[in-house]
Amino acid sequence: MTFDRGFRIDLTPDQVVELAKQLPGKDKEELRQAFERERAVDRLKELMEPLKDVDIDEETIRKEVDAVRAKRYAAWKKKAGTAARRR
């Protein structure tokens, strides 16, 4: 089942639901996945909109990732050391 975007009909959400109910199970699943993909793309666009003017380079990202990893590793070591002393 492919979804051709070249043909448009004005339908209410209730009409779409009623039409979807008439589809075989496999086609319903494909329709659900198509809606989920569209929703994910819309959500990604929404999340990226505030970041469109942010100028950040790969080196800055790498430094931040390394700092977070070091902090998490230190916390993990401290926790592991505390657990070993309890034994």
Protein backbone atom coordinates (compact mmCIF):
# COMPACT_ATOMS: atom_id res chain seq x y z
CA MET A 1 0.00 0.00 0.00
CA THR A 2 1.47 3.34 -1.00
CA PHE A 3 0.18 6.73 -0.01
CA ASP A 4 -0.01 8.98 -3.06
CA ARG A 5 0.13 12.61 -1.99
CA GLY A 6 -1.09 13.92 -5.36
CA PHE A 7 -4.83 13.43 -4.71
CA ARG A 8 -6.69 15.27 -1.96
CA ILE A 9 -10.18 14.89 -0.51
CA ASP A 10 -11.49 16.98 2.36
CA LEU A 11 -12.52 14.54 5.09
CA THR A 12 -13.31 14.92 8.75
CA PRO A 13 -11.29 12.90 11.27
CA ASP A 14 -14.40 10.73 11.88
CA GLN A 15 -14.64 9.97 8.16
CA VAL A 16 -10.98 8.98 8.06
CA VAL A 17 -11.47 6.66 11.02
CA GLU A 18 -14.50 5.03 9.37
CA LEU A 19 -12.56 4.52 6.15
CA ALA A 20 -9.58 3.10 8.05
CA LYS A 21 -11.85 0.60 9.79
CA GLN A 22 -12.70 -0.84 6.36
CA LEU A 23 -9.07 -1.62 5.56
CA PRO A 24 -7.62 -5.12 5.97
CA GLY A 25 -5.39 -5.60 9.01
CA LYS A 26 -2.09 -5.30 7.10
CA ASP A 27 -3.16 -2.03 5.50
CA LYS A 28 -4.32 -0.67 8.86
CA GLU A 29 -0.86 -1.39 10.25
CA GLU A 30 0.80 0.38 7.31
CA LEU A 31 -1.51 3.36 7.83
CA ARG A 32 -0.65 3.45 11.53
CA GLN A 33 3.07 3.36 10.74
CA ALA A 34 2.68 6.14 8.16
CA PHE A 35 0.94 8.33 10.75
CA GLU A 36 3.64 7.57 13.31
CA ARG A 37 6.40 8.49 10.83
CA GLU A 38 4.63 11.73 9.98
CA ARG A 39 4.16 12.53 13.66
CA ALA A 40 7.83 11.79 14.36
CA VAL A 41 8.95 14.06 11.53
CA ASP A 42 6.66 16.84 12.77
CA ARG A 43 8.00 16.44 16.32
CA LEU A 44 11.60 16.49 15.07
CA LYS A 45 10.94 19.69 13.11
CA GLU A 46 9.37 21.21 16.23
CA LEU A 47 12.39 20.27 18.35
CA MET A 48 14.89 21.53 15.77
CA GLU A 49 13.21 24.89 15.15
CA PRO A 50 14.71 26.62 18.22
CA LEU A 51 18.14 25.26 17.25
CA LYS A 52 18.19 26.50 13.67
CA ASP A 53 20.31 29.55 14.52
CA VAL A 54 22.65 27.77 16.93
CA ASP A 55 26.15 27.52 15.52
CA ILE A 56 28.03 24.64 17.12
CA ASP A 57 30.95 22.70 15.74
CA GLU A 58 31.84 19.05 16.13
CA GLU A 59 34.78 19.77 18.45
CA THR A 60 32.52 21.59 20.93
CA ILE A 61 30.10 18.67 20.89
CA ARG A 62 32.94 16.18 21.40
CA LYS A 63 34.30 18.14 24.39
CA GLU A 64 30.86 18.26 26.01
CA VAL A 65 30.33 14.53 25.45
CA ASP A 66 33.74 13.76 26.96
CA ALA A 67 32.97 15.92 30.01
CA VAL A 68 29.63 14.20 30.60
CA ARG A 69 31.20 10.77 30.17
CA ALA A 70 33.98 11.61 32.64
CA LYS A 71 31.44 12.84 35.19
CA ARG A 72 29.32 9.70 34.81
CA TYR A 73 32.38 7.44 35.01
CA ALA A 74 33.53 9.16 38.20
CA ALA A 75 30.07 8.71 39.73
CA TRP A 76 30.05 5.05 38.67
CA LYS A 77 33.51 4.45 40.16
CA LYS A 78 32.49 6.10 43.42
CA LYS A 79 29.35 3.96 43.59
CA ALA A 80 31.28 0.78 42.72
CA GLY A 81 33.91 1.59 45.36
CA THR A 82 31.26 2.15 48.02
CA ALA A 83 29.58 -1.17 47.18
CA ALA A 84 32.93 -3.04 47.35
CA ARG A 85 33.68 -1.65 50.83
CA ARG A 86 30.36 -2.89 52.17
CA ARG A 87 31.28 -6.51 51.52
